[in-house]
Protein backbone atom coordinates (compact mmCIF):
# COMPACT_ATOMS: atom_id res chain seq x y z
CA UNK A 1 -406.92 50.24 122.82
CA UNK A 2 -408.62 50.63 126.22
CA UNK A 3 -411.36 52.40 128.12
CA UNK A 4 -409.47 52.82 131.42
CA UNK A 5 -408.96 56.55 130.97
CA UNK A 6 -412.67 57.02 130.49
CA UNK A 7 -413.36 55.31 133.80
CA UNK A 8 -411.30 57.95 135.60
CA UNK A 9 -413.37 60.74 134.13
CA UNK A 10 -416.57 59.02 135.25
CA UNK A 11 -415.52 58.45 138.85
CA UNK A 12 -416.39 61.85 140.25
CA UNK A 13 -419.55 62.17 138.17
CA UNK A 14 -420.77 59.01 139.89
CA UNK A 15 -419.91 60.50 143.26
CA UNK A 16 -421.86 63.65 142.42
CA UNK A 17 -424.92 61.62 141.48
CA UNK A 18 -424.73 59.49 144.60
CA UNK A 19 -424.54 62.41 147.01
CA UNK A 20 -425.77 65.72 145.58
CA UNK A 21 -424.92 68.90 147.44
CA UNK A 22 -427.33 70.19 150.07
CA UNK A 23 -428.34 73.02 147.77
CA UNK A 24 -427.70 73.23 144.02
CA UNK A 25 -424.48 74.88 142.87
CA UNK A 26 -424.70 78.11 140.92
CA UNK A 27 -425.23 77.86 137.18
CA UNK A 28 -422.06 79.89 136.61
CA UNK A 29 -419.18 79.32 139.07
CA UNK A 30 -417.69 82.26 140.90
CA UNK A 31 -414.59 83.61 139.21
CA UNK A 32 -411.45 81.75 140.20
CA UNK A 33 -413.12 78.68 141.71
CA UNK A 34 -412.73 76.37 138.72
CA UNK A 35 -409.02 76.02 137.90
CA UNK A 36 -409.23 75.28 134.18
CA UNK A 37 -409.35 78.88 132.96
CA UNK A 38 -405.93 79.74 134.39
CA UNK A 39 -403.14 80.84 132.09
CA UNK A 40 -400.63 78.05 131.41
CA UNK A 41 -397.35 78.09 133.32
CA UNK A 42 -395.31 77.37 130.17
CA UNK A 43 -395.72 77.41 126.42
CA UNK A 44 -397.41 74.02 126.36
CA UNK A 45 -398.47 72.87 122.90
CA UNK A 46 -401.72 70.92 123.29
CA UNK A 47 -403.32 70.37 119.89
CA UNK A 48 -406.81 68.79 119.73
CA UNK A 49 -408.51 68.14 116.40
CA UNK A 50 -412.23 67.29 116.32
CA UNK A 51 -413.59 65.17 113.45
CA UNK A 52 -417.39 64.77 113.15
CA UNK A 53 -417.50 62.93 109.82
CA UNK A 54 -418.26 59.48 111.27
CA UNK A 55 -421.23 60.81 113.23
CA UNK A 56 -422.49 62.67 110.18
CA UNK A 57 -422.25 59.57 107.98
CA UNK A 58 -424.04 57.42 110.57
CA UNK A 59 -426.92 59.88 110.94
CA UNK A 60 -427.21 60.22 107.17
CA UNK A 61 -427.40 56.45 106.74
CA UNK A 62 -429.90 56.04 109.58
CA UNK A 63 -432.14 58.68 108.02
CA UNK A 64 -432.87 56.51 104.97
CA UNK A 65 -436.24 54.70 104.81
CA UNK A 66 -434.39 51.37 104.66
CA UNK A 67 -430.85 50.18 105.20
CA UNK A 68 -428.47 50.46 102.25
CA UNK A 69 -425.70 47.85 102.19
CA UNK A 70 -423.42 50.34 100.46
CA UNK A 71 -423.78 52.69 103.45
CA UNK A 72 -422.56 49.99 105.83
CA UNK A 73 -419.47 49.37 103.71
CA UNK A 74 -418.68 53.09 103.73
CA UNK A 75 -419.04 53.21 107.52
CA UNK A 76 -416.85 50.16 108.09
CA UNK A 77 -414.05 51.78 106.09
CA UNK A 78 -414.04 54.95 108.23
CA UNK A 79 -411.12 54.83 110.66
CA UNK A 80 -412.94 55.62 113.94
CA UNK A 81 -415.67 53.06 113.19
CA UNK A 82 -413.09 50.47 112.19
CA UNK A 83 -411.21 51.08 115.45
CA UNK A 84 -414.44 50.88 117.47
CA UNK A 85 -415.31 47.52 115.89
CA UNK A 86 -411.81 46.24 116.67
CA UNK A 87 -412.08 47.42 120.27
CA UNK A 88 -415.38 45.58 120.68
CA UNK A 89 -413.68 42.26 119.77
CA UNK A 90 -416.62 41.59 117.45
CA UNK A 91 -416.66 40.93 113.72
CA UNK A 92 -417.87 43.15 110.92
CA UNK A 93 -420.86 40.81 110.60
CA UNK A 94 -422.02 41.74 114.12
CA UNK A 95 -421.71 45.42 113.24
CA UNK A 96 -423.73 44.90 110.06
CA UNK A 97 -426.44 42.94 111.87
CA UNK A 98 -426.79 45.54 114.62
CA UNK A 99 -426.90 48.36 112.09
CA UNK A 100 -429.68 46.59 110.17
CA UNK A 101 -431.58 46.12 113.46
CA UNK A 102 -432.11 49.90 113.60
CA UNK A 103 -434.88 49.49 110.96
CA UNK A 104 -436.44 46.36 112.46
CA UNK A 105 -438.36 46.84 115.72
CA UNK A 106 -438.45 43.06 116.20
CA UNK A 107 -434.65 42.72 116.16
CA UNK A 108 -432.55 43.13 119.28
CA UNK A 109 -429.20 44.87 119.35
CA UNK A 110 -426.33 42.61 120.37
CA UNK A 111 -423.42 45.05 120.69
CA UNK A 112 -423.83 48.30 118.72
CA UNK A 113 -427.00 50.23 119.53
CA UNK A 114 -428.02 52.16 116.42
CA UNK A 115 -431.76 51.65 116.92
CA UNK A 116 -432.04 54.28 119.65
CA UNK A 117 -429.94 56.70 117.58
CA UNK A 118 -432.24 56.24 114.58
CA UNK A 119 -435.35 56.84 116.69
CA UNK A 120 -433.99 60.19 117.87
CA UNK A 121 -431.96 61.09 114.79
CA UNK A 122 -433.55 64.53 114.49
CA UNK A 123 -432.47 65.47 118.01
CA UNK A 124 -428.97 64.14 117.48
CA UNK A 125 -428.79 65.99 114.19
CA UNK A 126 -429.41 69.30 115.97
CA UNK A 127 -426.81 68.53 118.62
CA UNK A 128 -424.28 67.39 116.02
CA UNK A 129 -424.86 70.64 114.12
CA UNK A 130 -424.08 72.52 117.33
CA UNK A 131 -420.85 70.58 117.76
CA UNK A 132 -419.86 71.12 114.14
CA UNK A 133 -420.55 74.85 114.25
CA UNK A 134 -418.49 75.21 117.43
CA UNK A 135 -415.71 72.84 116.45
CA UNK A 136 -412.99 75.49 116.47
CA UNK A 137 -414.13 76.70 119.89
CA UNK A 138 -414.21 73.13 121.28
CA UNK A 139 -410.66 72.56 120.03
CA UNK A 140 -409.43 75.84 121.51
CA UNK A 141 -411.10 75.35 124.88
CA UNK A 142 -409.87 71.75 125.11
CA UNK A 143 -406.32 72.89 124.35
CA UNK A 144 -406.44 75.64 126.96
CA UNK A 145 -408.05 73.55 129.71
CA UNK A 146 -405.55 70.73 129.25
CA UNK A 147 -402.59 73.13 129.48
CA UNK A 148 -403.87 75.07 132.51
CA UNK A 149 -402.90 72.62 135.27
CA UNK A 150 -399.54 71.39 133.95
CA UNK A 151 -396.37 72.43 135.80
CA UNK A 152 -394.26 75.02 134.04
CA UNK A 153 -390.69 73.74 134.32
CA UNK A 154 -390.73 72.62 130.67
CA UNK A 155 -393.18 72.83 127.74
CA UNK A 156 -395.15 69.71 126.84
CA UNK A 157 -396.27 68.84 123.31
CA UNK A 158 -399.16 66.44 122.63
CA UNK A 159 -401.59 65.99 119.76
CA UNK A 160 -404.97 64.33 120.12
CA UNK A 161 -407.47 63.39 117.43
CA UNK A 162 -411.07 63.38 118.71
CA UNK A 163 -413.58 61.46 116.59
CA UNK A 164 -417.31 61.99 117.15
CA UNK A 165 -419.48 58.97 116.40
CA UNK A 166 -422.50 56.96 117.60
CA UNK A 167 -423.11 53.39 118.67
CA UNK A 168 -419.98 52.47 120.64
CA UNK A 169 -420.11 49.01 122.17
CA UNK A 170 -420.43 48.65 125.93
CA UNK A 171 -421.58 51.44 128.23
CA UNK A 172 -418.72 53.95 128.14
CA UNK A 173 -419.29 57.32 126.49
CA UNK A 174 -415.82 57.32 124.94
CA UNK A 175 -412.82 55.14 124.31
CA UNK A 176 -409.11 55.77 123.95
CA UNK A 177 -407.40 54.17 120.95
CA UNK A 178 -404.10 54.10 119.13
CA UNK A 179 -404.30 54.86 115.43
CA UNK A 180 -402.36 52.83 112.84
CA UNK A 181 -399.54 55.40 112.84
CA UNK A 182 -399.21 55.10 116.63
CA UNK A 183 -400.86 58.45 117.39
CA UNK A 184 -403.39 58.64 120.25
CA UNK A 185 -407.07 59.27 119.58
CA UNK A 186 -410.34 59.42 121.47
CA UNK A 187 -413.62 58.19 120.00
CA UNK A 188 -416.72 59.73 121.58
CA UNK A 189 -420.29 58.48 121.38
CA UNK A 190 -422.20 61.76 121.11
CA UNK A 191 -425.47 60.24 122.31
CA UNK A 192 -423.84 59.09 125.54
CA UNK A 193 -421.67 62.13 126.16
CA UNK A 194 -424.65 64.47 125.84
CA UNK A 195 -427.02 62.03 127.52
CA UNK A 196 -430.45 63.51 128.11
CA UNK A 197 -429.64 66.86 126.52
CA UNK A 198 -432.45 68.27 124.43
CA UNK A 199 -431.92 70.06 121.15
CA UNK A 200 -432.78 73.38 122.81
CA UNK A 201 -429.92 72.80 125.28
CA UNK A 202 -427.28 72.24 122.60
CA UNK A 203 -425.15 75.36 123.28
CA UNK A 204 -424.77 74.60 127.00
CA UNK A 205 -424.38 70.84 126.65
CA UNK A 206 -421.40 71.11 124.30
CA UNK A 207 -419.36 71.96 127.41
CA UNK A 208 -419.70 68.29 128.43
CA UNK A 209 -417.90 67.34 125.27
CA UNK A 210 -415.15 69.83 126.05
CA UNK A 211 -414.67 68.30 129.51
CA UNK A 212 -414.22 64.79 128.16
CA UNK A 213 -411.87 65.83 125.35
CA UNK A 214 -409.78 68.17 127.48
CA UNK A 215 -409.55 65.49 130.17
CA UNK A 216 -408.06 63.01 127.73
CA UNK A 217 -405.71 65.66 126.28
CA UNK A 218 -404.54 66.43 129.81
CA UNK A 219 -404.08 62.73 130.60
CA UNK A 220 -401.74 62.40 127.63
CA UNK A 221 -399.82 65.56 128.54
CA UNK A 222 -399.65 64.57 132.22
CA UNK A 223 -398.20 61.17 131.27
CA UNK A 224 -395.59 62.80 129.03
CA UNK A 225 -394.72 65.22 131.82
CA UNK A 226 -394.27 62.53 134.49
CA UNK A 227 -392.25 60.30 132.17
CA UNK A 228 -389.74 63.10 131.70
CA UNK A 229 -389.56 64.19 135.35
CA UNK A 230 -387.03 62.27 137.51
CA UNK A 231 -388.95 63.24 140.66
CA UNK A 232 -391.74 60.89 139.54
CA UNK A 233 -389.35 58.01 138.87
CA UNK A 234 -387.20 58.16 141.98
CA UNK A 235 -387.89 55.73 144.85
CA UNK A 236 -389.17 56.92 148.22
CA UNK A 237 -387.97 54.27 150.70
CA UNK A 238 -389.36 56.18 153.67
CA UNK A 239 -392.91 55.60 152.37
CA UNK A 240 -392.56 51.86 152.79
CA UNK A 241 -395.77 49.97 152.03
CA UNK A 242 -397.80 53.11 151.23
CA UNK A 243 -395.55 54.06 148.29
CA UNK A 244 -397.84 52.55 145.59
CA UNK A 245 -400.88 54.25 147.16
CA UNK A 246 -399.21 57.67 147.22
CA UNK A 247 -398.16 57.30 143.60
CA UNK A 248 -401.49 56.14 142.17
CA UNK A 249 -403.45 58.86 144.00
CA UNK A 250 -401.06 61.61 142.88
CA UNK A 251 -401.11 60.31 139.30
CA UNK A 252 -404.84 59.64 138.88
CA UNK A 253 -406.31 62.57 140.79
CA UNK A 254 -405.38 65.36 138.37
CA UNK A 255 -406.98 63.48 135.47
CA UNK A 256 -410.20 62.78 137.38
CA UNK A 257 -410.56 66.47 138.18
CA UNK A 258 -411.54 67.04 134.55
CA UNK A 259 -414.67 64.92 134.97
CA UNK A 260 -416.30 67.47 137.26
CA UNK A 261 -418.55 70.28 136.08
CA UNK A 262 -417.12 73.72 136.69
CA UNK A 263 -420.08 74.66 138.88
CA UNK A 264 -419.04 72.15 141.57
CA UNK A 265 -415.82 73.98 142.50
CA UNK A 266 -414.63 74.31 145.21
CA UNK A 267 -415.24 70.60 145.82
CA UNK A 268 -414.96 70.86 149.60
CA UNK A 269 -418.10 73.03 149.54
CA UNK A 270 -420.31 71.33 146.96
CA UNK A 271 -419.11 67.72 147.23
CA UNK A 272 -418.16 67.52 150.87
CA UNK A 273 -419.77 64.14 151.61
CA UNK A 274 -418.34 62.19 148.65
CA UNK A 275 -415.00 63.89 149.29
CA UNK A 276 -415.02 62.65 152.88
CA UNK A 277 -415.91 59.11 151.77
CA UNK A 278 -413.14 58.97 149.17
CA UNK A 279 -410.56 60.27 151.63
CA UNK A 280 -411.75 57.77 154.27
CA UNK A 281 -411.32 54.92 151.78
CA UNK A 282 -407.82 56.10 150.91
CA UNK A 283 -406.85 56.48 154.57
CA UNK A 284 -408.15 52.99 155.37
CA UNK A 285 -406.08 51.51 152.57
CA UNK A 286 -403.01 53.29 153.94
CA UNK A 287 -403.63 51.72 157.34
CA UNK A 288 -404.02 48.27 155.81
CA UNK A 289 -400.79 48.69 153.87
CA UNK A 290 -398.85 49.72 156.98
CA UNK A 291 -400.31 46.79 158.92
CA UNK A 292 -399.06 44.45 156.18
CA UNK A 293 -395.44 45.60 156.36
CA UNK A 294 -394.44 42.59 158.45
CA UNK A 295 -396.30 40.14 156.17
CA UNK A 296 -394.73 40.00 152.72
CA UNK A 297 -397.57 38.03 151.14
CA UNK A 298 -400.24 40.41 152.43
CA UNK A 299 -398.17 43.42 151.41
CA UNK A 300 -397.73 42.16 147.85
CA UNK A 301 -401.45 41.38 147.60
CA UNK A 302 -402.50 44.83 148.81
CA UNK A 303 -399.98 46.57 146.56
CA UNK A 304 -401.45 44.68 143.59
CA UNK A 305 -404.96 45.75 144.64
CA UNK A 306 -403.88 49.40 144.77
CA UNK A 307 -402.52 49.20 141.22
CA UNK A 308 -405.74 47.77 139.74
CA UNK A 309 -407.81 50.06 137.56
CA UNK A 310 -410.91 49.42 139.70
CA UNK A 311 -409.19 50.79 142.82
CA UNK A 312 -408.04 53.83 140.87
CA UNK A 313 -411.57 54.47 139.62
CA UNK A 314 -413.28 54.01 143.00
CA UNK A 315 -410.75 55.46 145.43
CA UNK A 316 -407.50 56.87 144.09
CA UNK A 317 -408.92 59.06 141.32
CA UNK A 318 -411.67 60.73 143.41
CA UNK A 319 -409.42 61.16 146.45
CA UNK A 320 -406.62 62.61 144.34
CA UNK A 321 -408.98 65.01 142.58
CA UNK A 322 -410.34 66.28 145.88
CA UNK A 323 -406.79 66.69 147.21
CA UNK A 324 -405.73 68.62 144.13
CA UNK A 325 -408.64 71.03 144.36
CA UNK A 326 -407.99 71.48 148.08
CA UNK A 327 -404.39 72.48 147.34
CA UNK A 328 -405.54 74.94 144.67
CA UNK A 329 -408.23 76.53 146.83
CA UNK A 330 -406.01 76.99 149.89
CA UNK A 331 -402.43 77.30 148.65
CA UNK A 332 -403.03 78.41 145.04
CA UNK A 333 -402.38 77.00 141.61
CA UNK A 334 -398.68 77.87 141.65
CA UNK A 335 -398.15 75.79 144.80
CA UNK A 336 -399.96 72.89 143.15
CA UNK A 337 -397.73 73.12 140.07
CA UNK A 338 -394.63 73.27 142.27
CA UNK A 339 -395.76 70.21 144.24
CA UNK A 340 -396.46 68.28 141.05
CA UNK A 341 -393.05 69.23 139.71
CA UNK A 342 -391.42 67.87 142.87
CA UNK A 343 -393.25 64.54 142.70
CA UNK A 344 -395.97 62.49 144.43
CA UNK A 345 -394.55 62.90 147.94
CA UNK A 346 -394.62 66.70 147.57
CA UNK A 347 -398.22 66.48 146.38
CA UNK A 348 -399.28 64.76 149.62
CA UNK A 349 -397.27 67.16 151.73
CA UNK A 350 -398.92 70.12 150.01
CA UNK A 351 -402.36 68.70 150.75
CA UNK A 352 -401.41 68.26 154.40
CA UNK A 353 -400.42 71.93 154.54
CA UNK A 354 -403.77 72.85 153.01
CA UNK A 355 -405.70 70.85 155.63
CA UNK A 356 -403.93 72.75 158.40
CA UNK A 357 -405.24 76.02 156.97
CA UNK A 358 -408.75 74.90 156.01
CA UNK A 359 -410.44 72.62 158.53
CA UNK A 360 -413.18 71.68 156.04
CA UNK A 361 -410.66 69.52 154.16
CA UNK A 362 -410.57 65.89 155.36
CA UNK A 363 -407.15 65.24 156.94
CA UNK A 364 -404.74 62.48 156.03
CA UNK A 365 -404.61 59.56 158.45
CA UNK A 366 -401.93 59.37 161.13
CA UNK A 367 -400.10 56.56 159.37
CA UNK A 368 -399.98 58.53 156.13
CA UNK A 369 -398.77 61.63 157.96
CA UNK A 370 -396.02 59.62 159.62
CA UNK A 371 -394.88 58.22 156.29
CA UNK A 372 -394.90 61.46 154.30
CA UNK A 373 -393.26 63.40 157.15
CA UNK A 374 -390.24 61.07 157.34
CA UNK A 375 -387.00 62.56 155.95
CA UNK A 376 -386.35 61.84 152.30
CA UNK A 377 -383.48 59.43 151.85
CA UNK A 378 -380.59 60.97 149.89
CA UNK A 379 -380.08 59.49 146.40
CA UNK A 380 -377.32 56.89 146.06
């Protein structure tokens, strides 16, 4: 179980908050600007199933005038709650104590925050009703969005169970888990995913839930696709020290794109400043990697830094997402799919072509251009 995938989906949201556009984006994006509504390139089978029972049981228990021990036992036996407790590395006793704290204003939550959920249970009940009533639509939209950006050279099949709950440990709004049968699942804390949404905003705010779920469904499908594509496994000797950087940016960027609200597309217009910063950070890392080519110890250290999840969250994921949208806006979705089919080197080359046609896109650094422009070594 891990929360790394969730960090990717948060990266660009953080960038948006840090540097808002000069003027607010339109409430509804212009047709064609957001790429997720495109028809799939192949008969991809993305199947998302949304389960709200854990959230419903939690709200029902928190609505009682006092805690019922029997309720806690029922909750602990529900699979998503059991998996969330396991992921927290805490015992059932901690879960029970924090759940009881929801009725005691003098008690302090240690790990699982149910007190705030109980205080606003009426509001969360309205929002949960909205999710439940639109469950089929959420599943359909998540399926379609996840399939839209995949290449079309072969169909991809993935299934994802999405559990809606409350009170996840830590600060993340969702977590990725593996169920006992080995199947992937995502557990979402509705209070965190919907944040400050009011009950009167329920219909519009459900789209946030769709973004998170479709992003995880795409991540699974994207991993399956790359694992079966030899272009993503072959070595690129001409890239030298920048090889790990090129790979992590091309892998992480498409997933991070799903963390952005549709109204911010095209990103080079609405998120120009954070886009420039992310590209600058990526270009600087490329320069450091090239400078380390004569120093094996420094090269190994930098390559390890590039592969860390923190670097992916801060630099690779945002930069890759901006590059992907730049390719789509300038060259078109079909060119993006073709580049992804051909591998990470083709992805960078496609972005370079896009920058030559649209000057608003931050260019790749000279060292990166030199590396990606070198002839591809023939396979042995």
